[in-house]
Amino acid sequence: MNRSIKDFVTPTHRLLALGEPTHLEPAFPWVRNDLFADAVSLGFRSIALETDRVAALAVDDYVQGGAGDLDEVMAVGFSHGFGALEPNRHLVAWMRAYNEGRPPRERLSFHGVDASTEPLHAPSPRAYLEAARDHLGRELDLASLAGDDELWGRAEAVLDHAMSPGATPGAGRLRLLADDLVTALHDAVPAARDRRAWLAARTRLQAGIALLRYHRHAAEPGDMGERQGRLLGARDVIIAENILDIRAIEGARGPTMLFAANAHLQRDRCRWSGHGITSEWTSAGAIVAAVVGEEYAFIAGALGRSEAKGLAAPAPGTFEAALGEGAWGLFEPDGLTGEARADHVPGQGYFPLDRETLDGCDGVLYIPDASAVG
C-alpha cells in the first residue's frame, strides 16, 4: 500500500481514470484533490469530472483567471448537484490559484465528461444547437423544429417511447441541420481568431447532437430493462466521446486525470439489477481503453465504512476486508482475493468491488473509514 500516484503512472499514460464507488461519500473527492495535486507535479495539466461538459466551460473560464466569483461558478458550472460539494469548491479555487501568473501552456484546465442527463430527464438540444448557429452567424429557425423544451425535458419523454419527441419529423430535420453546422464550424476553424471560443461552440454543438441521439434512443420501443440499458449505454457513449475529445485537446500539454463513478470508467461491461429489471451496457472506460490502449489506466475506488451513509465495516472474506484497515491508500490489484460484499442497500448508492472490475483495473484506491478523510 502507498499514497503516491506516481507508482501508478507510466510514460505511456495520457488518461488516468480515478473511480469512486458512490457519489454520496465526499471522502473520495477529497482524496482525489490530493492525488490530482500530486499528478500535476508529474506533468498532468487537466482534470475531467463526471459533470456536464457544457456547464464545465464556465468552470474552466474561471480557473483560467476569468471574471466572476466562486459562488456563481459553483452554481452554474456543475450538473447533478456536484457544485454543492465542498471538495469540488476547494478544487476549483486551488486550480485558479495555481494558474495565476503562469503562461497558458502551463495552466491547469477543467473539463466535464458527462451530458446533462438524469435517469428521468434529458433536456432539449435546442439551446446547444442555437449556440453553434449563433457562433457561425447563421440564420436558422431551430426553435420551431425543436418545439417546446418542456416536451423534451419531462420524465415521460424518457419513460415512454411514445411520448418522446426524439423520432418526430422536427427532430429528424434538426439532426440534418446539426450535421450541416458541423461542416460549417470546421470550415471556419482556419479563420478563427479565438480558439477557445471556437472550441466552446464545437463543444455545445457536440452536446446538442448527443442529446438528439439520446432522445432518438428514448423513442425506440422495448421492455423497460432493454430501454434502460439502451439509454445508459447511450450516456456512456457520450462520456467516451467527450473523454477522447478532451484527450485530443489536452494531449500535447500533458496527461489528464478523469474522475467519475467506477461504472463509467471500468473496463468491463456494466450491469444493473433492481425492481425486477436487469440492464447491461458497454462502459465508457471499455470504449476508451479499446481505442487508446496503453494510454488508459483505471484505478477503482473502494470504500470500507461510512458512518454518514450507514455503511458498516466490510465483513471478513470480502475484497474490501482483504485491503485492511488504517489510512486510505493505493493498492495493486494482483493477488487480491475475496468476494463482493452484500451488506449495502440501494439508498446508499454504493457499488462494491467485484471480480470483473478488479481484473480490469490497474490499481485500487481504498478508503477504510470515510470519517478519517476530509
Protein backbone atom coordinates (compact mmCIF):
# COMPACT_ATOMS: atom_id res chain seq x y z
CA MET A 1 0.00 0.00 0.00
CA ASN A 2 1.14 3.56 -0.70
CA ARG A 3 -0.31 7.04 -1.07
CA SER A 4 1.64 8.22 -4.10
CA ILE A 5 0.10 8.33 -7.55
CA LYS A 6 3.48 8.21 -9.28
CA ASP A 7 3.74 4.45 -8.87
CA PHE A 8 0.58 4.05 -10.96
CA VAL A 9 1.53 6.41 -13.79
CA THR A 10 3.80 5.37 -16.65
CA PRO A 11 5.14 7.50 -19.54
CA THR A 12 2.56 5.90 -21.86
CA HIS A 13 -0.45 7.01 -19.80
CA ARG A 14 -2.35 10.02 -21.15
CA LEU A 15 -5.59 9.28 -19.29
CA LEU A 16 -5.59 8.29 -15.61
CA ALA A 17 -9.13 7.31 -14.61
CA LEU A 18 -9.86 7.50 -10.89
CA GLY A 19 -13.15 5.88 -9.95
CA GLU A 20 -15.44 6.21 -6.95
CA PRO A 21 -17.90 3.53 -5.76
CA THR A 22 -20.54 6.07 -4.72
CA HIS A 23 -21.30 9.74 -5.37
CA LEU A 24 -22.67 10.06 -1.85
CA GLU A 25 -19.39 9.93 0.10
CA PRO A 26 -17.29 13.15 -0.09
CA ALA A 27 -14.18 11.33 1.14
CA PHE A 28 -13.43 10.32 -2.45
CA PRO A 29 -13.33 13.81 -4.00
CA TRP A 30 -11.21 14.98 -1.04
CA VAL A 31 -8.66 12.25 -1.77
CA ARG A 32 -8.97 13.00 -5.49
CA ASN A 33 -7.87 16.57 -4.80
CA ASP A 34 -4.70 15.34 -3.08
CA LEU A 35 -3.95 12.87 -5.86
CA PHE A 36 -4.53 15.48 -8.57
CA ALA A 37 -2.08 17.85 -6.89
CA ASP A 38 0.48 15.02 -6.94
CA ALA A 39 -0.35 14.29 -10.58
CA VAL A 40 0.21 17.94 -11.50
CA SER A 41 3.75 17.63 -10.16
CA LEU A 42 4.19 14.73 -12.61
CA GLY A 43 3.11 16.78 -15.62
CA PHE A 44 -0.70 16.46 -15.61
CA ARG A 45 -2.32 19.65 -16.86
CA SER A 46 -6.05 18.88 -16.79
CA ILE A 47 -8.80 17.15 -14.87
CA ALA A 48 -12.18 15.97 -16.17
CA LEU A 49 -15.06 15.19 -13.81
CA GLU A 50 -18.38 13.40 -14.20
CA THR A 51 -20.34 16.60 -14.74
CA ASP A 52 -21.94 18.27 -17.75
CA ARG A 53 -19.28 19.23 -20.25
CA VAL A 54 -21.02 22.40 -21.41
CA ALA A 55 -21.61 23.64 -17.86
CA ALA A 56 -17.95 22.94 -17.07
CA LEU A 57 -16.89 25.54 -19.66
CA ALA A 58 -17.79 28.19 -17.07
CA VAL A 59 -15.53 26.50 -14.51
CA ASP A 60 -12.61 26.37 -16.92
CA ASP A 61 -13.05 30.05 -17.78
CA TYR A 62 -12.86 30.82 -14.06
CA VAL A 63 -9.77 28.72 -13.32
CA GLN A 64 -8.06 30.38 -16.30
CA GLY A 65 -8.50 33.70 -14.49
CA GLY A 66 -11.83 34.77 -15.96
CA ALA A 67 -14.32 37.13 -14.37
CA GLY A 68 -16.96 36.07 -11.88
CA ASP A 69 -16.90 34.77 -8.35
CA LEU A 70 -16.55 31.30 -6.95
CA ASP A 71 -20.13 31.07 -5.65
CA GLU A 72 -21.53 31.80 -9.09
CA VAL A 73 -19.20 29.37 -10.81
CA MET A 74 -20.10 26.55 -8.44
CA ALA A 75 -23.80 27.23 -9.04
CA VAL A 76 -23.72 27.28 -12.84
CA GLY A 77 -20.60 25.25 -13.69
CA PHE A 78 -21.67 21.83 -12.40
CA SER A 79 -24.56 19.48 -13.12
CA HIS A 80 -26.16 16.75 -10.99
CA GLY A 81 -25.78 18.84 -7.81
CA PHE A 82 -21.99 18.40 -7.73
CA GLY A 83 -21.39 22.13 -7.38
CA ALA A 84 -22.59 21.91 -3.77
CA LEU A 85 -19.77 19.55 -2.78
CA GLU A 86 -17.10 21.26 -0.67
CA PRO A 87 -14.18 19.28 -2.15
CA ASN A 88 -15.21 20.43 -5.64
CA ARG A 89 -15.21 24.02 -4.42
CA HIS A 90 -11.71 23.56 -2.99
CA LEU A 91 -10.52 22.01 -6.26
CA VAL A 92 -11.76 24.93 -8.36
CA ALA A 93 -10.26 27.53 -6.00
CA TRP A 94 -6.93 25.67 -5.91
CA MET A 95 -6.75 25.43 -9.71
CA ARG A 96 -7.39 29.17 -10.12
CA ALA A 97 -4.70 29.99 -7.57
CA TYR A 98 -2.25 27.59 -9.25
CA ASN A 99 -2.82 29.16 -12.66
CA GLU A 100 -2.30 32.74 -11.54
CA GLY A 101 0.75 34.20 -13.27
CA ARG A 102 1.50 31.08 -15.32
CA PRO A 103 1.67 31.02 -19.14
CA PRO A 104 -1.27 29.29 -20.90
CA ARG A 105 0.68 26.13 -21.72
CA GLU A 106 1.43 25.53 -18.03
CA ARG A 107 -2.06 26.29 -16.71
CA LEU A 108 -4.44 23.63 -15.47
CA SER A 109 -7.68 23.04 -17.38
CA PHE A 110 -11.04 21.85 -16.06
CA HIS A 111 -13.44 19.70 -18.10
CA GLY A 112 -16.68 17.79 -17.72
CA VAL A 113 -17.19 14.45 -19.45
CA ASP A 114 -20.95 13.97 -18.99
CA ALA A 115 -24.18 15.19 -20.54
CA SER A 116 -26.83 17.00 -18.51
CA THR A 117 -28.99 13.89 -18.34
CA GLU A 118 -30.63 12.33 -15.30
CA PRO A 119 -32.36 8.93 -15.06
CA LEU A 120 -35.73 10.62 -15.67
CA HIS A 121 -34.64 13.71 -17.56
CA ALA A 122 -32.76 14.76 -20.68
CA PRO A 123 -33.03 18.37 -21.86
CA SER A 124 -33.88 19.77 -25.26
CA PRO A 125 -30.96 20.09 -27.68
CA ARG A 126 -32.25 23.46 -28.91
CA ALA A 127 -30.05 25.82 -26.85
CA TYR A 128 -26.87 23.91 -27.69
CA LEU A 129 -27.57 23.93 -31.42
CA GLU A 130 -28.51 27.60 -31.35
CA ALA A 131 -25.21 28.46 -29.65
CA ALA A 132 -23.29 26.91 -32.55
CA ARG A 133 -25.58 28.63 -35.05
CA ASP A 134 -25.01 32.00 -33.41
CA HIS A 135 -21.24 31.49 -33.33
CA LEU A 136 -21.33 30.99 -37.08
CA GLY A 137 -23.70 33.91 -37.65
CA ARG A 138 -26.24 31.74 -39.45
CA GLU A 139 -29.99 32.35 -39.60
CA LEU A 140 -31.75 29.07 -38.89
CA ASP A 141 -35.11 28.73 -37.17
CA LEU A 142 -34.20 25.82 -34.91
CA ALA A 143 -36.78 26.68 -32.25
CA SER A 144 -39.77 25.90 -34.45
CA LEU A 145 -38.31 22.49 -35.29
CA ALA A 146 -37.47 21.68 -31.66
CA GLY A 147 -40.81 22.82 -30.27
CA ASP A 148 -41.46 23.29 -26.57
CA ASP A 149 -38.41 22.48 -24.42
CA GLU A 150 -40.80 21.02 -21.82
CA LEU A 151 -41.72 18.21 -24.20
CA TRP A 152 -38.10 17.07 -24.26
CA GLY A 153 -37.38 17.54 -20.56
CA ARG A 154 -40.38 15.81 -18.98
CA ALA A 155 -39.92 12.40 -17.39
CA GLU A 156 -42.47 10.82 -19.74
CA ALA A 157 -40.18 11.54 -22.69
CA VAL A 158 -37.67 9.10 -21.21
CA LEU A 159 -40.02 6.56 -19.62
CA ASP A 160 -42.47 6.14 -22.52
CA HIS A 161 -41.16 5.84 -26.07
CA ALA A 162 -44.49 7.07 -27.44
CA MET A 163 -44.10 10.33 -25.51
CA SER A 164 -40.57 11.03 -26.74
CA PRO A 165 -40.02 13.79 -29.33
CA GLY A 166 -36.82 12.06 -30.43
CA ALA A 167 -38.32 10.45 -33.56
CA THR A 168 -40.52 13.32 -34.74
CA PRO A 169 -40.02 14.90 -38.19
CA GLY A 170 -38.76 18.05 -36.44
CA ALA A 171 -36.10 16.07 -34.59
CA GLY A 172 -35.03 14.39 -37.83
CA ARG A 173 -34.68 17.78 -39.50
CA LEU A 174 -32.65 19.06 -36.54
CA ARG A 175 -30.21 16.18 -36.91
CA LEU A 176 -29.64 17.05 -40.58
CA LEU A 177 -29.13 20.73 -39.78
CA ALA A 178 -26.76 19.81 -36.95
CA ASP A 179 -24.64 17.85 -39.44
CA ASP A 180 -24.54 20.94 -41.67
CA LEU A 181 -23.40 23.03 -38.69
CA VAL A 182 -20.55 20.57 -38.04
CA THR A 183 -19.31 21.06 -41.59
CA ALA A 184 -19.63 24.84 -41.37
CA LEU A 185 -17.91 25.02 -38.00
CA HIS A 186 -14.91 23.03 -39.19
CA ASP A 187 -14.77 25.03 -42.40
CA ALA A 188 -14.50 28.16 -40.23
CA VAL A 189 -11.69 26.96 -37.97
CA PRO A 190 -8.72 28.12 -40.11
CA ALA A 191 -10.01 31.71 -39.86
CA ALA A 192 -10.97 31.51 -36.18
CA ARG A 193 -9.18 34.17 -34.16
CA ASP A 194 -10.29 32.86 -30.78
CA ARG A 195 -9.53 29.15 -30.41
CA ARG A 196 -11.28 28.91 -27.02
CA ALA A 197 -14.47 30.42 -28.45
CA TRP A 198 -14.36 28.01 -31.40
CA LEU A 199 -13.83 25.03 -29.11
CA ALA A 200 -16.70 26.17 -26.87
CA ALA A 201 -19.02 26.42 -29.88
CA ARG A 202 -17.96 22.96 -31.03
CA THR A 203 -18.50 21.54 -27.53
CA ARG A 204 -22.03 22.92 -27.46
CA LEU A 205 -22.76 21.55 -30.91
CA GLN A 206 -21.45 18.12 -29.91
CA ALA A 207 -23.71 18.24 -26.84
CA GLY A 208 -26.74 19.09 -28.94
CA ILE A 209 -26.05 16.25 -31.37
CA ALA A 210 -25.52 13.82 -28.48
CA LEU A 211 -28.88 14.82 -26.97
CA LEU A 212 -30.61 14.34 -30.31
CA ARG A 213 -29.15 10.84 -30.45
CA TYR A 214 -30.10 10.15 -26.82
CA HIS A 215 -33.71 11.22 -27.41
CA ARG A 216 -33.83 9.11 -30.58
CA HIS A 217 -32.93 6.08 -28.46
CA ALA A 218 -35.63 7.07 -25.96
CA ALA A 219 -38.17 6.96 -28.80
CA GLU A 220 -37.42 3.31 -29.59
CA PRO A 221 -39.81 0.72 -28.13
CA GLY A 222 -38.82 -2.17 -25.90
CA ASP A 223 -39.29 -3.52 -22.40
CA MET A 224 -38.05 -1.41 -19.51
CA GLY A 225 -34.81 -3.35 -19.00
CA GLU A 226 -33.94 -3.13 -22.69
CA ARG A 227 -34.78 0.57 -22.94
CA GLN A 228 -32.91 1.40 -19.73
CA GLY A 229 -29.82 -0.44 -20.91
CA ARG A 230 -30.01 1.34 -24.26
CA LEU A 231 -30.19 4.79 -22.63
CA LEU A 232 -27.49 4.05 -20.07
CA GLY A 233 -25.31 2.79 -22.90
CA ALA A 234 -26.05 5.92 -24.94
CA ARG A 235 -24.94 8.05 -22.00
CA ASP A 236 -21.68 6.12 -21.67
CA VAL A 237 -21.03 6.59 -25.37
CA ILE A 238 -21.40 10.36 -24.83
CA ILE A 239 -18.95 10.17 -21.92
CA ALA A 240 -16.47 8.15 -24.01
CA GLU A 241 -16.70 10.61 -26.91
CA ASN A 242 -16.07 13.50 -24.54
CA ILE A 243 -13.08 11.78 -22.94
CA LEU A 244 -11.50 11.09 -26.32
CA ASP A 245 -12.09 14.66 -27.43
CA ILE A 246 -10.54 16.04 -24.24
CA ARG A 247 -7.53 13.78 -24.80
CA ALA A 248 -7.16 15.22 -28.30
CA ILE A 249 -7.36 18.78 -26.95
CA GLU A 250 -5.06 18.30 -23.95
CA GLY A 251 -2.68 15.57 -25.10
CA ALA A 252 0.12 17.87 -26.24
CA ARG A 253 0.16 19.67 -22.86
CA GLY A 254 0.17 16.62 -20.63
CA PRO A 255 -1.94 13.74 -19.30
CA THR A 256 -5.48 14.17 -17.95
CA MET A 257 -6.96 12.80 -14.72
CA LEU A 258 -10.55 11.54 -15.02
CA PHE A 259 -12.85 11.28 -12.02
CA ALA A 260 -16.22 9.54 -12.22
CA ALA A 261 -18.15 6.55 -10.94
CA ASN A 262 -16.36 3.21 -11.27
CA ALA A 263 -19.16 2.02 -13.54
CA HIS A 264 -18.35 4.67 -16.15
CA LEU A 265 -14.57 4.17 -16.06
CA GLN A 266 -14.20 0.39 -15.63
CA ARG A 267 -13.02 -1.77 -18.49
CA ASP A 268 -15.71 -4.44 -18.00
CA ARG A 269 -19.32 -4.12 -19.11
CA CYS A 270 -21.84 -2.55 -16.77
CA ARG A 271 -24.71 -4.47 -15.21
CA TRP A 272 -27.56 -3.22 -13.06
CA SER A 273 -30.43 -5.13 -11.47
CA GLY A 274 -33.31 -3.87 -9.38
CA HIS A 275 -37.10 -3.78 -9.18
CA GLY A 276 -37.25 -6.86 -11.39
CA ILE A 277 -35.26 -5.16 -14.16
CA THR A 278 -31.83 -6.14 -15.42
CA SER A 279 -29.82 -3.99 -17.79
CA GLU A 280 -26.38 -4.38 -19.36
CA TRP A 281 -24.33 -2.00 -21.48
CA THR A 282 -20.78 -1.09 -22.52
CA SER A 283 -19.00 1.32 -20.18
CA ALA A 284 -17.22 4.47 -21.34
CA GLY A 285 -13.99 3.06 -19.91
CA ALA A 286 -14.27 -0.06 -22.04
CA ILE A 287 -14.74 2.08 -25.15
CA VAL A 288 -11.88 4.46 -24.39
CA ALA A 289 -9.48 1.68 -23.36
CA ALA A 290 -10.20 -0.17 -26.61
CA VAL A 291 -9.43 2.98 -28.62
CA VAL A 292 -6.28 4.26 -26.86
CA GLY A 293 -4.87 1.01 -25.44
CA GLU A 294 -1.99 1.53 -23.01
CA GLU A 295 -2.66 5.26 -22.79
CA TYR A 296 -5.56 4.46 -20.43
CA ALA A 297 -5.17 3.47 -16.78
CA PHE A 298 -8.03 2.80 -14.37
CA ILE A 299 -7.88 2.96 -10.57
CA ALA A 300 -11.06 1.59 -8.99
CA GLY A 301 -12.40 3.26 -5.85
CA ALA A 302 -13.42 1.11 -2.87
CA LEU A 303 -14.98 2.02 0.47
CA GLY A 304 -14.87 0.30 3.83
CA ARG A 305 -17.19 2.01 6.31
CA SER A 306 -19.13 5.25 6.06
CA GLU A 307 -20.99 6.30 9.18
CA ALA A 308 -22.69 9.16 7.36
CA LYS A 309 -24.13 6.76 4.77
CA GLY A 310 -24.89 3.93 7.16
CA LEU A 311 -22.35 1.56 5.64
CA ALA A 312 -20.76 -0.73 8.21
CA ALA A 313 -17.26 -2.21 8.10
CA PRO A 314 -16.92 -4.90 5.41
CA ALA A 315 -17.39 -8.49 6.51
CA PRO A 316 -14.40 -10.88 6.56
CA GLY A 317 -13.88 -12.62 3.24
CA THR A 318 -14.85 -9.61 1.12
CA PHE A 319 -12.45 -7.81 -1.21
CA GLU A 320 -12.69 -4.67 0.90
CA ALA A 321 -11.85 -6.52 4.12
CA ALA A 322 -8.79 -8.02 2.42
CA LEU A 323 -7.49 -4.50 1.79
CA GLY A 324 -7.17 -3.96 5.53
CA GLU A 325 -7.64 -1.09 7.96
CA GLY A 326 -5.75 2.12 8.63
CA ALA A 327 -5.32 5.14 6.38
CA TRP A 328 -6.53 5.36 2.80
CA GLY A 329 -4.12 4.06 0.22
CA LEU A 330 -3.46 2.87 -3.30
CA PHE A 331 -3.10 -0.88 -3.83
CA GLU A 332 -2.03 -3.20 -6.61
CA PRO A 333 -5.00 -5.43 -7.55
CA ASP A 334 -2.92 -8.52 -8.33
CA GLY A 335 -3.47 -11.32 -5.85
CA LEU A 336 -6.45 -9.70 -4.14
CA THR A 337 -8.92 -12.45 -3.27
CA GLY A 338 -12.37 -12.47 -1.75
CA GLU A 339 -15.96 -11.93 -2.76
CA ALA A 340 -18.23 -8.96 -3.33
CA ARG A 341 -19.77 -7.54 -0.17
CA ALA A 342 -23.55 -7.78 0.13
CA ASP A 343 -24.29 -5.54 3.12
CA HIS A 344 -25.25 -2.42 1.16
CA VAL A 345 -28.72 -1.17 0.24
CA PRO A 346 -29.82 0.81 -2.85
CA GLY A 347 -30.36 4.04 -0.90
CA GLN A 348 -26.65 4.20 -0.10
CA GLY A 349 -25.81 4.49 -3.80
CA TYR A 350 -22.81 2.22 -3.23
CA PHE A 351 -21.38 -0.35 -5.62
CA PRO A 352 -18.79 -2.70 -4.07
CA LEU A 353 -15.77 -4.22 -5.73
CA ASP A 354 -16.33 -7.36 -7.79
CA ARG A 355 -14.04 -9.77 -9.56
CA GLU A 356 -14.63 -8.39 -13.07
CA THR A 357 -13.79 -4.82 -12.07
CA LEU A 358 -10.65 -5.93 -10.23
CA ASP A 359 -9.47 -7.99 -13.18
CA GLY A 360 -9.74 -4.92 -15.41
CA CYS A 361 -8.19 -2.26 -13.16
CA ASP A 362 -4.61 -1.08 -12.73
CA GLY A 363 -4.96 -0.14 -9.07
CA VAL A 364 -7.40 0.27 -6.19
CA LEU A 365 -7.97 3.40 -4.13
CA TYR A 366 -9.28 2.12 -0.80
CA ILE A 367 -10.72 4.30 1.97
CA PRO A 368 -11.26 2.04 5.00
CA ASP A 369 -13.08 4.69 7.05
CA ALA A 370 -14.60 7.71 5.35
CA SER A 371 -14.80 9.66 8.61
CA ALA A 372 -11.00 9.83 8.70
CA VAL A 373 -10.89 11.84 5.46
CA GLY A 374 -11.85 15.47 4.94
